[in-house]
Amino acid sequence: MTIERDKRKLSAVLSADVKGYSRLMGEDESGTVRTLKEYREIMVKLIQRYRGRVVDSPGDNLLAEFVSVVDAVDCAVEIQKELKLRNDELPEARRMEFRIGVNLGDVVEDGESIYGDGVNIAARVESLAD
């Protein structure tokens, strides 16, 4: 009898979401969506530059996977620098700040998706960021 095992691998996982997203949406939904789309484009380009891939991006969240934890951390720093420059051009109440968490851990691979503690811990670290 053959037992099918989950396909596991070690990955650096980056989890990001918008601080105060509900407030921003409540104050200016269309403006928030425009800014989110613009910032996501920037983030995706940087993730690709640092040899990562976007796994999922529901709502205001973005999940990316990297082979190298150094690339993941460098990418997170670069994202924060670039988005700060963009935010400096906006009124303080309209600034969109991302919390980002990075974790190196075991993930379960299912097609293009990843799951497991490696992802969950990255999300927990992100929730602690300020």
N, C-alpha and C. Protein backbone atom coordinates (compact mmCIF):
# COMPACT_ATOMS: atom_id res chain seq x y z
N MET A 1 0.84 -1.18 0.00
CA MET A 1 0.00 0.00 0.00
C MET A 1 0.89 1.24 0.00
N THR A 2 0.62 2.16 -0.92
CA THR A 2 1.39 3.39 -1.02
C THR A 2 0.64 4.51 -0.31
N ILE A 3 1.34 5.18 0.57
CA ILE A 3 0.75 6.33 1.27
C ILE A 3 1.23 7.59 0.57
N GLU A 4 0.28 8.40 0.13
CA GLU A 4 0.64 9.66 -0.53
C GLU A 4 0.98 10.69 0.54
N ARG A 5 2.15 11.27 0.43
CA ARG A 5 2.60 12.28 1.39
C ARG A 5 2.49 13.66 0.77
N ASP A 6 2.30 14.63 1.64
CA ASP A 6 2.29 16.01 1.18
C ASP A 6 3.65 16.37 0.61
N LYS A 7 3.64 17.20 -0.42
CA LYS A 7 4.90 17.68 -0.99
C LYS A 7 5.35 18.88 -0.15
N ARG A 8 6.43 18.72 0.56
CA ARG A 8 6.94 19.76 1.45
C ARG A 8 8.24 20.33 0.91
N LYS A 9 8.49 21.57 1.30
CA LYS A 9 9.76 22.19 0.96
C LYS A 9 10.03 23.33 1.93
N LEU A 10 11.28 23.75 1.99
CA LEU A 10 11.68 24.88 2.81
C LEU A 10 11.58 26.13 1.95
N SER A 11 10.84 27.13 2.44
CA SER A 11 10.66 28.37 1.69
C SER A 11 10.72 29.57 2.62
N ALA A 12 11.14 30.68 2.06
CA ALA A 12 11.02 31.96 2.75
C ALA A 12 9.69 32.56 2.32
N VAL A 13 8.86 32.88 3.30
CA VAL A 13 7.51 33.37 3.02
C VAL A 13 7.39 34.81 3.49
N LEU A 14 6.87 35.66 2.62
CA LEU A 14 6.61 37.06 2.94
C LEU A 14 5.11 37.27 2.97
N SER A 15 4.61 37.81 4.08
CA SER A 15 3.19 38.12 4.21
C SER A 15 3.05 39.61 4.47
N ALA A 16 2.18 40.27 3.73
CA ALA A 16 2.00 41.72 3.87
C ALA A 16 0.52 42.06 3.86
N ASP A 17 0.15 43.04 4.68
CA ASP A 17 -1.19 43.59 4.57
C ASP A 17 -1.20 45.05 5.00
N VAL A 18 -2.28 45.74 4.65
CA VAL A 18 -2.38 47.18 4.87
C VAL A 18 -2.82 47.47 6.30
N LYS A 19 -2.06 48.31 6.97
CA LYS A 19 -2.43 48.78 8.30
C LYS A 19 -3.59 49.77 8.15
N GLY A 20 -4.68 49.56 8.88
CA GLY A 20 -5.81 50.48 8.84
C GLY A 20 -6.63 50.43 7.56
N TYR A 21 -6.63 49.27 6.91
CA TYR A 21 -7.32 49.13 5.62
C TYR A 21 -8.81 49.45 5.72
N SER A 22 -9.48 48.97 6.75
CA SER A 22 -10.93 49.22 6.89
C SER A 22 -11.22 50.70 7.00
N ARG A 23 -10.39 51.43 7.77
CA ARG A 23 -10.57 52.88 7.91
C ARG A 23 -10.38 53.56 6.56
N LEU A 24 -9.33 53.19 5.84
CA LEU A 24 -9.07 53.79 4.53
C LEU A 24 -10.23 53.54 3.57
N MET A 25 -10.74 52.32 3.56
CA MET A 25 -11.87 51.99 2.68
C MET A 25 -13.12 52.76 3.07
N GLY A 26 -13.35 52.92 4.37
CA GLY A 26 -14.52 53.64 4.84
C GLY A 26 -14.48 55.11 4.48
N GLU A 27 -13.29 55.69 4.45
CA GLU A 27 -13.15 57.11 4.15
C GLU A 27 -13.15 57.41 2.66
N ASP A 28 -12.56 56.54 1.86
CA ASP A 28 -12.47 56.79 0.41
C ASP A 28 -12.21 55.46 -0.30
N GLU A 29 -13.29 54.75 -0.59
CA GLU A 29 -13.16 53.42 -1.18
C GLU A 29 -12.44 53.44 -2.52
N SER A 30 -12.87 54.30 -3.43
CA SER A 30 -12.27 54.28 -4.78
C SER A 30 -10.81 54.74 -4.74
N GLY A 31 -10.50 55.73 -3.92
CA GLY A 31 -9.11 56.19 -3.78
C GLY A 31 -8.23 55.12 -3.17
N THR A 32 -8.77 54.40 -2.19
CA THR A 32 -8.02 53.32 -1.54
C THR A 32 -7.74 52.19 -2.53
N VAL A 33 -8.73 51.84 -3.32
CA VAL A 33 -8.54 50.77 -4.32
C VAL A 33 -7.48 51.19 -5.34
N ARG A 34 -7.53 52.45 -5.78
CA ARG A 34 -6.52 52.94 -6.74
C ARG A 34 -5.11 52.85 -6.16
N THR A 35 -4.97 53.33 -4.92
CA THR A 35 -3.65 53.30 -4.27
C THR A 35 -3.19 51.87 -4.06
N LEU A 36 -4.09 50.99 -3.63
CA LEU A 36 -3.74 49.59 -3.42
C LEU A 36 -3.24 48.95 -4.71
N LYS A 37 -3.93 49.19 -5.81
CA LYS A 37 -3.50 48.63 -7.10
C LYS A 37 -2.12 49.14 -7.49
N GLU A 38 -1.89 50.44 -7.31
CA GLU A 38 -0.60 51.03 -7.65
C GLU A 38 0.51 50.43 -6.78
N TYR A 39 0.26 50.32 -5.49
CA TYR A 39 1.27 49.79 -4.57
C TYR A 39 1.52 48.31 -4.82
N ARG A 40 0.46 47.59 -5.16
CA ARG A 40 0.63 46.15 -5.47
C ARG A 40 1.53 45.96 -6.68
N GLU A 41 1.35 46.79 -7.70
CA GLU A 41 2.20 46.69 -8.89
C GLU A 41 3.66 46.89 -8.52
N ILE A 42 3.92 47.86 -7.66
CA ILE A 42 5.29 48.11 -7.19
C ILE A 42 5.82 46.89 -6.44
N MET A 43 5.00 46.34 -5.56
CA MET A 43 5.41 45.19 -4.76
C MET A 43 5.69 43.98 -5.63
N VAL A 44 4.83 43.72 -6.60
CA VAL A 44 5.02 42.56 -7.48
C VAL A 44 6.33 42.69 -8.25
N LYS A 45 6.62 43.88 -8.77
CA LYS A 45 7.88 44.09 -9.50
C LYS A 45 9.09 43.84 -8.60
N LEU A 46 9.01 44.33 -7.36
CA LEU A 46 10.12 44.12 -6.43
C LEU A 46 10.25 42.65 -6.05
N ILE A 47 9.15 41.99 -5.83
CA ILE A 47 9.18 40.55 -5.51
C ILE A 47 9.85 39.78 -6.64
N GLN A 48 9.50 40.10 -7.87
CA GLN A 48 10.12 39.43 -9.01
C GLN A 48 11.61 39.77 -9.11
N ARG A 49 11.96 41.03 -8.85
CA ARG A 49 13.36 41.44 -8.90
C ARG A 49 14.20 40.65 -7.89
N TYR A 50 13.61 40.33 -6.76
CA TYR A 50 14.31 39.58 -5.72
C TYR A 50 14.06 38.07 -5.83
N ARG A 51 13.68 37.63 -7.00
CA ARG A 51 13.52 36.21 -7.33
C ARG A 51 12.44 35.50 -6.51
N GLY A 52 11.38 36.25 -6.21
CA GLY A 52 10.24 35.66 -5.52
C GLY A 52 9.06 35.53 -6.46
N ARG A 53 7.98 34.97 -5.93
CA ARG A 53 6.75 34.88 -6.71
C ARG A 53 5.57 35.15 -5.79
N VAL A 54 4.58 35.83 -6.34
CA VAL A 54 3.35 36.09 -5.60
C VAL A 54 2.53 34.80 -5.61
N VAL A 55 2.15 34.34 -4.43
CA VAL A 55 1.36 33.12 -4.29
C VAL A 55 -0.12 33.45 -4.26
N ASP A 56 -0.47 34.53 -3.55
CA ASP A 56 -1.88 34.90 -3.38
C ASP A 56 -1.95 36.37 -3.02
N SER A 57 -3.07 37.01 -3.34
CA SER A 57 -3.23 38.42 -2.97
C SER A 57 -4.70 38.78 -2.77
N PRO A 58 -5.35 38.15 -1.78
CA PRO A 58 -6.76 38.48 -1.53
C PRO A 58 -6.90 39.79 -0.75
N GLY A 59 -7.88 40.58 -1.10
CA GLY A 59 -8.14 41.82 -0.37
C GLY A 59 -6.90 42.69 -0.29
N ASP A 60 -6.55 43.07 0.94
CA ASP A 60 -5.37 43.92 1.14
C ASP A 60 -4.13 43.11 1.50
N ASN A 61 -4.21 41.79 1.38
CA ASN A 61 -3.11 40.91 1.75
C ASN A 61 -2.32 40.49 0.51
N LEU A 62 -1.03 40.22 0.74
CA LEU A 62 -0.19 39.69 -0.33
C LEU A 62 0.72 38.63 0.28
N LEU A 63 0.79 37.49 -0.35
CA LEU A 63 1.63 36.38 0.11
C LEU A 63 2.61 36.04 -1.00
N ALA A 64 3.90 36.02 -0.66
CA ALA A 64 4.93 35.72 -1.66
C ALA A 64 5.89 34.67 -1.11
N GLU A 65 6.52 33.96 -2.04
CA GLU A 65 7.45 32.90 -1.69
C GLU A 65 8.80 33.17 -2.35
N PHE A 66 9.87 32.91 -1.59
CA PHE A 66 11.24 33.10 -2.07
C PHE A 66 12.04 31.84 -1.77
N VAL A 67 13.05 31.58 -2.58
CA VAL A 67 13.97 30.48 -2.31
C VAL A 67 14.94 30.90 -1.20
N SER A 68 15.32 32.17 -1.19
CA SER A 68 16.31 32.69 -0.25
C SER A 68 15.66 33.61 0.78
N VAL A 69 15.93 33.37 2.06
CA VAL A 69 15.41 34.26 3.10
C VAL A 69 16.07 35.64 3.01
N VAL A 70 17.32 35.69 2.57
CA VAL A 70 18.00 36.98 2.38
C VAL A 70 17.25 37.80 1.33
N ASP A 71 16.88 37.17 0.22
CA ASP A 71 16.12 37.86 -0.82
C ASP A 71 14.77 38.34 -0.27
N ALA A 72 14.12 37.52 0.53
CA ALA A 72 12.81 37.89 1.08
C ALA A 72 12.92 39.11 1.99
N VAL A 73 13.93 39.12 2.86
CA VAL A 73 14.11 40.25 3.78
C VAL A 73 14.53 41.50 3.01
N ASP A 74 15.47 41.35 2.08
CA ASP A 74 15.89 42.50 1.26
C ASP A 74 14.70 43.07 0.49
N CYS A 75 13.86 42.21 -0.03
CA CYS A 75 12.67 42.64 -0.76
C CYS A 75 11.73 43.41 0.17
N ALA A 76 11.50 42.89 1.37
CA ALA A 76 10.62 43.57 2.33
C ALA A 76 11.14 44.97 2.65
N VAL A 77 12.45 45.09 2.84
CA VAL A 77 13.05 46.40 3.13
C VAL A 77 12.87 47.34 1.94
N GLU A 78 13.11 46.84 0.75
CA GLU A 78 12.97 47.65 -0.47
C GLU A 78 11.52 48.09 -0.67
N ILE A 79 10.57 47.19 -0.40
CA ILE A 79 9.15 47.55 -0.50
C ILE A 79 8.85 48.69 0.46
N GLN A 80 9.30 48.58 1.70
CA GLN A 80 9.01 49.63 2.68
C GLN A 80 9.63 50.97 2.26
N LYS A 81 10.84 50.94 1.74
CA LYS A 81 11.49 52.18 1.28
C LYS A 81 10.71 52.82 0.13
N GLU A 82 10.36 52.01 -0.86
CA GLU A 82 9.65 52.53 -2.04
C GLU A 82 8.27 53.05 -1.67
N LEU A 83 7.54 52.32 -0.84
CA LEU A 83 6.19 52.76 -0.48
C LEU A 83 6.23 53.99 0.42
N LYS A 84 7.29 54.14 1.23
CA LYS A 84 7.43 55.36 2.03
C LYS A 84 7.56 56.57 1.13
N LEU A 85 8.35 56.45 0.07
CA LEU A 85 8.49 57.57 -0.87
C LEU A 85 7.14 57.93 -1.49
N ARG A 86 6.37 56.92 -1.85
CA ARG A 86 5.03 57.16 -2.42
C ARG A 86 4.10 57.77 -1.38
N ASN A 87 4.16 57.27 -0.16
CA ASN A 87 3.29 57.78 0.90
C ASN A 87 3.61 59.22 1.26
N ASP A 88 4.88 59.61 1.15
CA ASP A 88 5.26 60.98 1.48
C ASP A 88 4.55 62.00 0.58
N GLU A 89 4.08 61.55 -0.58
CA GLU A 89 3.37 62.43 -1.52
C GLU A 89 1.88 62.55 -1.19
N LEU A 90 1.39 61.73 -0.25
CA LEU A 90 -0.04 61.71 0.08
C LEU A 90 -0.30 62.43 1.40
N PRO A 91 -1.53 62.94 1.58
CA PRO A 91 -1.89 63.47 2.90
C PRO A 91 -1.76 62.35 3.94
N GLU A 92 -1.41 62.70 5.16
CA GLU A 92 -1.15 61.68 6.19
C GLU A 92 -2.31 60.71 6.36
N ALA A 93 -3.54 61.20 6.31
CA ALA A 93 -4.72 60.34 6.52
C ALA A 93 -4.94 59.36 5.36
N ARG A 94 -4.32 59.58 4.21
CA ARG A 94 -4.52 58.72 3.04
C ARG A 94 -3.34 57.79 2.79
N ARG A 95 -2.33 57.85 3.63
CA ARG A 95 -1.15 57.01 3.44
C ARG A 95 -1.49 55.55 3.67
N MET A 96 -0.94 54.71 2.83
CA MET A 96 -1.19 53.27 2.91
C MET A 96 0.10 52.59 3.35
N GLU A 97 0.12 52.16 4.60
CA GLU A 97 1.30 51.52 5.15
C GLU A 97 1.08 50.01 5.22
N PHE A 98 2.07 49.26 4.80
CA PHE A 98 2.00 47.80 4.82
C PHE A 98 2.80 47.26 6.00
N ARG A 99 2.19 46.31 6.70
CA ARG A 99 2.91 45.51 7.69
C ARG A 99 3.43 44.30 6.93
N ILE A 100 4.69 43.96 7.17
CA ILE A 100 5.29 42.83 6.46
C ILE A 100 5.97 41.90 7.45
N GLY A 101 5.71 40.61 7.29
CA GLY A 101 6.38 39.58 8.08
C GLY A 101 7.06 38.60 7.15
N VAL A 102 8.24 38.13 7.57
CA VAL A 102 8.99 37.15 6.78
C VAL A 102 9.33 35.97 7.69
N ASN A 103 9.18 34.78 7.18
CA ASN A 103 9.53 33.57 7.92
C ASN A 103 10.17 32.56 6.97
N LEU A 104 11.17 31.87 7.48
CA LEU A 104 11.76 30.74 6.76
C LEU A 104 11.25 29.48 7.43
N GLY A 105 10.51 28.68 6.67
CA GLY A 105 9.95 27.48 7.28
C GLY A 105 9.44 26.48 6.26
N ASP A 106 9.03 25.36 6.78
CA ASP A 106 8.47 24.28 5.98
C ASP A 106 7.08 24.68 5.47
N VAL A 107 6.83 24.45 4.20
CA VAL A 107 5.50 24.69 3.63
C VAL A 107 5.06 23.45 2.86
N VAL A 108 3.76 23.31 2.76
CA VAL A 108 3.17 22.25 1.94
C VAL A 108 2.82 22.88 0.60
N GLU A 109 3.31 22.28 -0.47
CA GLU A 109 3.07 22.80 -1.81
C GLU A 109 1.92 22.04 -2.44
N ASP A 110 0.97 22.79 -2.97
CA ASP A 110 -0.20 22.21 -3.64
C ASP A 110 -0.44 23.01 -4.91
N GLY A 111 0.14 22.54 -6.02
CA GLY A 111 0.06 23.30 -7.27
C GLY A 111 0.83 24.60 -7.10
N GLU A 112 0.16 25.72 -7.32
CA GLU A 112 0.79 27.03 -7.18
C GLU A 112 0.65 27.59 -5.77
N SER A 113 -0.09 26.92 -4.91
CA SER A 113 -0.36 27.40 -3.55
C SER A 113 0.60 26.78 -2.54
N ILE A 114 0.77 27.48 -1.42
CA ILE A 114 1.54 26.95 -0.31
C ILE A 114 0.72 27.12 0.97
N TYR A 115 0.91 26.17 1.89
CA TYR A 115 0.17 26.16 3.15
C TYR A 115 1.10 25.72 4.27
N GLY A 116 0.60 25.79 5.49
CA GLY A 116 1.32 25.21 6.62
C GLY A 116 1.91 26.23 7.56
N ASP A 117 2.67 25.71 8.53
CA ASP A 117 3.24 26.56 9.57
C ASP A 117 4.14 27.65 9.01
N GLY A 118 4.88 27.36 7.96
CA GLY A 118 5.75 28.38 7.37
C GLY A 118 4.98 29.61 6.95
N VAL A 119 3.80 29.41 6.41
CA VAL A 119 2.93 30.51 5.99
C VAL A 119 2.28 31.15 7.22
N ASN A 120 1.78 30.33 8.12
CA ASN A 120 1.08 30.85 9.30
C ASN A 120 1.99 31.71 10.17
N ILE A 121 3.24 31.30 10.34
CA ILE A 121 4.17 32.08 11.16
C ILE A 121 4.50 33.40 10.49
N ALA A 122 4.67 33.42 9.17
CA ALA A 122 4.91 34.68 8.46
C ALA A 122 3.73 35.63 8.69
N ALA A 123 2.51 35.11 8.64
CA ALA A 123 1.33 35.94 8.87
C ALA A 123 1.28 36.45 10.31
N ARG A 124 1.70 35.63 11.26
CA ARG A 124 1.72 36.08 12.67
C ARG A 124 2.77 37.17 12.87
N VAL A 125 3.94 37.00 12.28
CA VAL A 125 4.99 38.02 12.37
C VAL A 125 4.48 39.32 11.76
N GLU A 126 3.83 39.22 10.61
CA GLU A 126 3.27 40.41 9.95
C GLU A 126 2.26 41.11 10.85
N SER A 127 1.44 40.36 11.56
CA SER A 127 0.42 40.98 12.42
C SER A 127 1.05 41.72 13.61
N LEU A 128 2.30 41.37 13.96
CA LEU A 128 3.00 42.03 15.05
C LEU A 128 3.76 43.27 14.59
N ALA A 129 3.95 43.41 13.29
CA ALA A 129 4.70 44.55 12.75
C ALA A 129 3.89 45.82 12.90
N ASP A 130 4.60 46.93 12.97
CA ASP A 130 3.89 48.21 13.10
C ASP A 130 4.49 49.28 12.24
